[in-house]
Amino acid sequence: MKNKNKYEIVIHGRGGQGAKTTAEILVQAAICKGKFVQAFPNFGPERTGAPMRAFVRISNKPIRTREPVIDPDCVLVLDETIANVIDVTKNVTGTEALIINSQKPKDELKKKLKFEGNIIPVDASGMSLEVIGEDRPNTVILGKFAFVTDIVKIDDIISVFRAKYEKKVGKEKTDKNIKAIEMAFRLY
């Protein structure tokens, strides 16, 4: 946690991809372990497909700041094309994780982003299309985040996801999403 009292996450996505939902699930999973949390979105024009960010803080102590995260411990990128218009590597050092939804290999992404740090590509869209039947990269990213960081536990993410969505979308669709989360967790 970079000698900070809190773990901070920036989630980049496009409207409708689930960045805000990802933030909500992460904080609810952290609450399961008694952590103090904060999550909030940052929108430009509120429309489907518009670039947006969500911020997450997880701490063992109360969180007093309400400012956007400017020095993230981890960055989640739900749509690789966001990197064409936004510097997703801003203030990310070599030891911090940048988990990106991409089919490209790590070396190619490092060159494209001009970033030598810890890039973790995962074909979140491909995996979600295969398992869920829809392009839902946020569920896959949740599983990869749990594996890479161990800040929240995979069992807590799954429990929160099931509680939030089973009544809303049904057991079958919820089970498929959970399978995608677990698949990303086990991948690599």
C-alpha atoms as a PDB file:
ATOM      1  CA  MET A   1       0.000   0.000   0.000  1.00  0.00           C
ATOM      2  CA  LYS A   2       2.928   2.350  -0.649  1.00  0.00           C
ATOM      3  CA  ASN A   3       3.193   3.215   3.058  1.00  0.00           C
ATOM      4  CA  LYS A   4      -0.220   4.851   2.902  1.00  0.00           C
ATOM      5  CA  ASN A   5      -3.106   4.206   5.234  1.00  0.00           C
ATOM      6  CA  LYS A   6      -5.375   3.366   2.333  1.00  0.00           C
ATOM      7  CA  TYR A   7      -5.391   1.411  -0.909  1.00  0.00           C
ATOM      8  CA  GLU A   8      -6.605   3.543  -3.821  1.00  0.00           C
ATOM      9  CA  ILE A   9      -7.976   2.387  -7.151  1.00  0.00           C
ATOM     10  CA  VAL A  10      -8.907   4.205 -10.350  1.00  0.00           C
ATOM     11  CA  ILE A  11     -11.273   2.438 -12.739  1.00  0.00           C
ATOM     12  CA  HIS A  12     -11.394   3.688 -16.338  1.00  0.00           C
ATOM     13  CA  GLY A  13     -14.247   2.657 -18.571  1.00  0.00           C
ATOM     14  CA  ARG A  14     -16.994   3.861 -20.829  1.00  0.00           C
ATOM     15  CA  GLY A  15     -20.543   4.545 -19.752  1.00  0.00           C
ATOM     16  CA  GLY A  16     -22.428   1.247 -19.604  1.00  0.00           C
ATOM     17  CA  GLN A  17     -19.399  -1.010 -19.088  1.00  0.00           C
ATOM     18  CA  GLY A  18     -19.849  -1.302 -15.351  1.00  0.00           C
ATOM     19  CA  ALA A  19     -17.032   0.837 -13.905  1.00  0.00           C
ATOM     20  CA  LYS A  20     -19.342   2.256 -11.251  1.00  0.00           C
ATOM     21  CA  THR A  21     -20.684  -1.218 -10.462  1.00  0.00           C
ATOM     22  CA  THR A  22     -17.128  -2.561 -10.232  1.00  0.00           C
ATOM     23  CA  ALA A  23     -16.325   0.117  -7.655  1.00  0.00           C
ATOM     24  CA  GLU A  24     -19.463  -0.714  -5.662  1.00  0.00           C
ATOM     25  CA  ILE A  25     -18.708  -4.447  -5.605  1.00  0.00           C
ATOM     26  CA  LEU A  26     -15.102  -3.839  -4.533  1.00  0.00           C
ATOM     27  CA  VAL A  27     -16.106  -1.657  -1.594  1.00  0.00           C
ATOM     28  CA  GLN A  28     -18.875  -4.015  -0.509  1.00  0.00           C
ATOM     29  CA  ALA A  29     -16.396  -6.919  -0.598  1.00  0.00           C
ATOM     30  CA  ALA A  30     -13.984  -4.864   1.536  1.00  0.00           C
ATOM     31  CA  ILE A  31     -16.773  -4.083   3.999  1.00  0.00           C
ATOM     32  CA  CYS A  32     -17.138  -7.858   4.485  1.00  0.00           C
ATOM     33  CA  LYS A  33     -13.682  -7.734   6.096  1.00  0.00           C
ATOM     34  CA  GLY A  34     -14.444  -4.724   8.268  1.00  0.00           C
ATOM     35  CA  LYS A  35     -12.608  -2.179   6.122  1.00  0.00           C
ATOM     36  CA  PHE A  36     -13.477   1.479   5.761  1.00  0.00           C
ATOM     37  CA  VAL A  37     -14.359   2.277   2.162  1.00  0.00           C
ATOM     38  CA  GLN A  38     -15.249   4.955  -0.308  1.00  0.00           C
ATOM     39  CA  ALA A  39     -16.355   4.740  -3.941  1.00  0.00           C
ATOM     40  CA  PHE A  40     -17.624   7.366  -6.324  1.00  0.00           C
ATOM     41  CA  PRO A  41     -17.872   7.882 -10.084  1.00  0.00           C
ATOM     42  CA  ASN A  42     -16.609  10.778 -12.180  1.00  0.00           C
ATOM     43  CA  PHE A  43     -18.561  11.379 -15.372  1.00  0.00           C
ATOM     44  CA  GLY A  44     -18.134  13.704 -18.286  1.00  0.00           C
ATOM     45  CA  PRO A  45     -21.262  13.651 -20.429  1.00  0.00           C
ATOM     46  CA  GLU A  46     -23.498  10.980 -18.955  1.00  0.00           C
ATOM     47  CA  ARG A  47     -24.167   8.796 -21.938  1.00  0.00           C
ATOM     48  CA  THR A  48     -23.467   5.257 -23.002  1.00  0.00           C
ATOM     49  CA  GLY A  49     -19.948   4.971 -24.394  1.00  0.00           C
ATOM     50  CA  ALA A  50     -18.606   8.218 -22.907  1.00  0.00           C
ATOM     51  CA  PRO A  51     -15.311   7.903 -21.019  1.00  0.00           C
ATOM     52  CA  MET A  52     -15.736   7.860 -17.249  1.00  0.00           C
ATOM     53  CA  ARG A  53     -13.822   6.968 -14.114  1.00  0.00           C
ATOM     54  CA  ALA A  54     -14.657   5.562 -10.756  1.00  0.00           C
ATOM     55  CA  PHE A  55     -12.534   5.918  -7.644  1.00  0.00           C
ATOM     56  CA  VAL A  56     -12.202   3.459  -4.756  1.00  0.00           C
ATOM     57  CA  ARG A  57     -10.477   3.741  -1.402  1.00  0.00           C
ATOM     58  CA  ILE A  58     -10.097   0.857   1.050  1.00  0.00           C
ATOM     59  CA  SER A  59      -8.565   1.416   4.467  1.00  0.00           C
ATOM     60  CA  ASN A  60      -8.176   0.044   7.972  1.00  0.00           C
ATOM     61  CA  LYS A  61      -8.952   3.549   9.279  1.00  0.00           C
ATOM     62  CA  PRO A  62     -11.756   6.053   8.580  1.00  0.00           C
ATOM     63  CA  ILE A  63     -11.337   7.862   5.263  1.00  0.00           C
ATOM     64  CA  ARG A  64     -11.606  11.625   5.551  1.00  0.00           C
ATOM     65  CA  THR A  65     -10.721  12.858   2.059  1.00  0.00           C
ATOM     66  CA  ARG A  66     -13.365  13.270  -0.641  1.00  0.00           C
ATOM     67  CA  GLU A  67     -10.969  14.141  -3.439  1.00  0.00           C
ATOM     68  CA  PRO A  68     -10.482  12.067  -6.597  1.00  0.00           C
ATOM     69  CA  VAL A  69      -7.701   9.493  -6.420  1.00  0.00           C
ATOM     70  CA  ILE A  70      -4.541  10.999  -7.903  1.00  0.00           C
ATOM     71  CA  ASP A  71      -1.915   8.483  -6.741  1.00  0.00           C
ATOM     72  CA  PRO A  72      -3.493   5.064  -7.371  1.00  0.00           C
ATOM     73  CA  ASP A  73      -2.157   1.771  -6.077  1.00  0.00           C
ATOM     74  CA  CYS A  74      -3.985   0.008  -8.902  1.00  0.00           C
ATOM     75  CA  VAL A  75      -5.658   1.059 -12.153  1.00  0.00           C
ATOM     76  CA  LEU A  76      -8.356  -1.021 -13.833  1.00  0.00           C
ATOM     77  CA  VAL A  77      -9.030  -0.320 -17.515  1.00  0.00           C
ATOM     78  CA  LEU A  78     -12.286  -1.837 -18.772  1.00  0.00           C
ATOM     79  CA  ASP A  79     -11.830  -0.592 -22.358  1.00  0.00           C
ATOM     80  CA  GLU A  80      -8.390  -0.512 -23.968  1.00  0.00           C
ATOM     81  CA  THR A  81      -9.440   2.307 -26.330  1.00  0.00           C
ATOM     82  CA  ILE A  82      -9.720   4.660 -23.334  1.00  0.00           C
ATOM     83  CA  ALA A  83      -5.906   4.756 -23.387  1.00  0.00           C
ATOM     84  CA  ASN A  84      -6.124   6.548 -26.761  1.00  0.00           C
ATOM     85  CA  VAL A  85      -7.732   9.590 -25.113  1.00  0.00           C
ATOM     86  CA  ILE A  86      -6.787   9.378 -21.414  1.00  0.00           C
ATOM     87  CA  ASP A  87      -3.399   8.732 -19.797  1.00  0.00           C
ATOM     88  CA  VAL A  88      -4.334   5.632 -17.805  1.00  0.00           C
ATOM     89  CA  THR A  89      -0.756   5.361 -16.497  1.00  0.00           C
ATOM     90  CA  LYS A  90      -0.748   8.784 -14.832  1.00  0.00           C
ATOM     91  CA  ASN A  91       0.991   8.598 -11.423  1.00  0.00           C
ATOM     92  CA  VAL A  92       1.330   4.809 -11.672  1.00  0.00           C
ATOM     93  CA  THR A  93       4.819   3.624 -10.761  1.00  0.00           C
ATOM     94  CA  GLY A  94       6.570   0.412 -11.697  1.00  0.00           C
ATOM     95  CA  THR A  95       5.347  -1.616  -8.734  1.00  0.00           C
ATOM     96  CA  GLU A  96       1.656  -0.731  -8.964  1.00  0.00           C
ATOM     97  CA  ALA A  97      -0.707  -2.826 -11.067  1.00  0.00           C
ATOM     98  CA  LEU A  98      -2.395  -1.659 -14.256  1.00  0.00           C
ATOM     99  CA  ILE A  99      -4.959  -4.323 -15.178  1.00  0.00           C
ATOM    100  CA  ILE A 100      -6.222  -3.747 -18.708  1.00  0.00           C
ATOM    101  CA  ASN A 101      -8.885  -5.422 -20.823  1.00  0.00           C
ATOM    102  CA  SER A 102      -6.823  -6.310 -23.885  1.00  0.00           C
ATOM    103  CA  GLN A 103      -5.913  -9.199 -26.155  1.00  0.00           C
ATOM    104  CA  LYS A 104      -2.517  -7.618 -26.783  1.00  0.00           C
ATOM    105  CA  PRO A 105       0.597  -9.056 -25.148  1.00  0.00           C
ATOM    106  CA  LYS A 106       2.226  -7.195 -22.273  1.00  0.00           C
ATOM    107  CA  ASP A 107       5.219  -5.998 -24.344  1.00  0.00           C
ATOM    108  CA  GLU A 108       2.992  -4.483 -27.020  1.00  0.00           C
ATOM    109  CA  LEU A 109       0.912  -2.673 -24.396  1.00  0.00           C
ATOM    110  CA  LYS A 110       4.040  -1.334 -22.691  1.00  0.00           C
ATOM    111  CA  LYS A 111       5.159   0.121 -26.014  1.00  0.00           C
ATOM    112  CA  LYS A 112       1.721   1.536 -26.844  1.00  0.00           C
ATOM    113  CA  LEU A 113       1.249   3.112 -23.411  1.00  0.00           C
ATOM    114  CA  LYS A 114       4.919   4.156 -23.087  1.00  0.00           C
ATOM    115  CA  PHE A 115       4.893   2.524 -19.674  1.00  0.00           C
ATOM    116  CA  GLU A 116       7.429   0.090 -18.250  1.00  0.00           C
ATOM    117  CA  GLY A 117       5.459  -0.730 -15.113  1.00  0.00           C
ATOM    118  CA  ASN A 118       3.364  -3.688 -14.036  1.00  0.00           C
ATOM    119  CA  ILE A 119       0.844  -4.155 -16.872  1.00  0.00           C
ATOM    120  CA  ILE A 120      -1.501  -7.117 -16.544  1.00  0.00           C
ATOM    121  CA  PRO A 121      -3.498  -7.704 -19.727  1.00  0.00           C
ATOM    122  CA  VAL A 122      -6.585  -9.878 -19.565  1.00  0.00           C
ATOM    123  CA  ASP A 123      -9.002 -10.521 -22.423  1.00  0.00           C
ATOM    124  CA  ALA A 124     -11.951  -9.560 -20.245  1.00  0.00           C
ATOM    125  CA  SER A 125     -14.280  -8.896 -23.175  1.00  0.00           C
ATOM    126  CA  GLY A 126     -13.420 -12.199 -24.840  1.00  0.00           C
ATOM    127  CA  MET A 127     -13.808 -14.173 -21.639  1.00  0.00           C
ATOM    128  CA  SER A 128     -17.124 -12.541 -20.790  1.00  0.00           C
ATOM    129  CA  LEU A 129     -18.474 -13.135 -24.305  1.00  0.00           C
ATOM    130  CA  GLU A 130     -17.417 -16.779 -24.052  1.00  0.00           C
ATOM    131  CA  VAL A 131     -18.786 -17.444 -20.557  1.00  0.00           C
ATOM    132  CA  ILE A 132     -21.640 -14.959 -20.123  1.00  0.00           C
ATOM    133  CA  GLY A 133     -22.598 -14.430 -23.752  1.00  0.00           C
ATOM    134  CA  GLU A 134     -22.294 -10.644 -23.327  1.00  0.00           C
ATOM    135  CA  ASP A 135     -19.447  -8.146 -23.293  1.00  0.00           C
ATOM    136  CA  ARG A 136     -19.227  -7.567 -19.530  1.00  0.00           C
ATOM    137  CA  PRO A 137     -15.513  -6.904 -18.919  1.00  0.00           C
ATOM    138  CA  ASN A 138     -16.094  -5.631 -15.395  1.00  0.00           C
ATOM    139  CA  THR A 139     -16.905  -9.072 -13.972  1.00  0.00           C
ATOM    140  CA  VAL A 140     -13.713 -10.561 -15.391  1.00  0.00           C
ATOM    141  CA  ILE A 141     -11.680  -7.569 -14.156  1.00  0.00           C
ATOM    142  CA  LEU A 142     -13.041  -8.160 -10.626  1.00  0.00           C
ATOM    143  CA  GLY A 143     -11.619 -11.684 -10.628  1.00  0.00           C
ATOM    144  CA  LYS A 144      -8.248 -10.551 -11.968  1.00  0.00           C
ATOM    145  CA  PHE A 145      -8.097  -7.718  -9.401  1.00  0.00           C
ATOM    146  CA  ALA A 146      -8.700 -10.173  -6.541  1.00  0.00           C
ATOM    147  CA  PHE A 147      -5.910 -12.428  -7.814  1.00  0.00           C
ATOM    148  CA  VAL A 148      -3.365  -9.664  -8.447  1.00  0.00           C
ATOM    149  CA  THR A 149      -3.866  -7.564  -5.316  1.00  0.00           C
ATOM    150  CA  ASP A 150      -5.378  -9.729  -2.565  1.00  0.00           C
ATOM    151  CA  ILE A 151      -6.941  -6.494  -1.220  1.00  0.00           C
ATOM    152  CA  VAL A 152     -10.371  -8.110  -1.362  1.00  0.00           C
ATOM    153  CA  LYS A 153     -11.027 -11.841  -1.323  1.00  0.00           C
ATOM    154  CA  ILE A 154     -12.533 -13.641  -4.290  1.00  0.00           C
ATOM    155  CA  ASP A 155     -15.129 -15.293  -2.019  1.00  0.00           C
ATOM    156  CA  ASP A 156     -16.293 -11.873  -0.820  1.00  0.00           C
ATOM    157  CA  ILE A 157     -16.553 -10.555  -4.392  1.00  0.00           C
ATOM    158  CA  ILE A 158     -18.621 -13.584  -5.381  1.00  0.00           C
ATOM    159  CA  SER A 159     -20.841 -13.302  -2.320  1.00  0.00           C
ATOM    160  CA  VAL A 160     -21.471  -9.596  -2.941  1.00  0.00           C
ATOM    161  CA  PHE A 161     -22.086 -10.173  -6.648  1.00  0.00           C
ATOM    162  CA  ARG A 162     -24.592 -12.954  -5.940  1.00  0.00           C
ATOM    163  CA  ALA A 163     -26.451 -10.882  -3.336  1.00  0.00           C
ATOM    164  CA  LYS A 164     -26.596  -7.856  -5.629  1.00  0.00           C
ATOM    165  CA  TYR A 165     -27.617  -9.591  -8.867  1.00  0.00           C
ATOM    166  CA  GLU A 166     -29.332 -12.938  -8.344  1.00  0.00           C
ATOM    167  CA  LYS A 167     -32.793 -11.423  -7.835  1.00  0.00           C
ATOM    168  CA  LYS A 168     -32.145  -8.745 -10.447  1.00  0.00           C
ATOM    169  CA  VAL A 169     -30.917 -10.884 -13.377  1.00  0.00           C
ATOM    170  CA  GLY A 170     -31.677 -14.443 -12.267  1.00  0.00           C
ATOM    171  CA  LYS A 171     -29.631 -17.363 -11.017  1.00  0.00           C
ATOM    172  CA  GLU A 172     -28.428 -18.579 -14.431  1.00  0.00           C
ATOM    173  CA  LYS A 173     -27.009 -15.220 -15.519  1.00  0.00           C
ATOM    174  CA  THR A 174     -25.541 -14.602 -12.056  1.00  0.00           C
ATOM    175  CA  ASP A 175     -23.855 -18.027 -12.130  1.00  0.00           C
ATOM    176  CA  LYS A 176     -22.343 -17.262 -15.548  1.00  0.00           C
ATOM    177  CA  ASN A 177     -20.933 -13.959 -14.278  1.00  0.00           C
ATOM    178  CA  ILE A 178     -19.498 -15.692 -11.224  1.00  0.00           C
ATOM    179  CA  LYS A 179     -17.928 -18.315 -13.471  1.00  0.00           C
ATOM    180  CA  ALA A 180     -16.245 -15.471 -15.428  1.00  0.00           C
ATOM    181  CA  ILE A 181     -14.997 -13.896 -12.181  1.00  0.00           C
ATOM    182  CA  GLU A 182     -13.564 -17.250 -11.050  1.00  0.00           C
ATOM    183  CA  MET A 183     -12.017 -17.935 -14.453  1.00  0.00           C
ATOM    184  CA  ALA A 184     -10.130 -14.629 -14.404  1.00  0.00           C
ATOM    185  CA  PHE A 185      -8.999 -15.306 -10.848  1.00  0.00           C
ATOM    186  CA  ARG A 186      -7.532 -18.689 -11.843  1.00  0.00           C
ATOM    187  CA  LEU A 187      -6.030 -17.475 -15.142  1.00  0.00           C
ATOM    188  CA  TYR A 188      -2.191 -17.226 -15.107  1.00  0.00           C
END
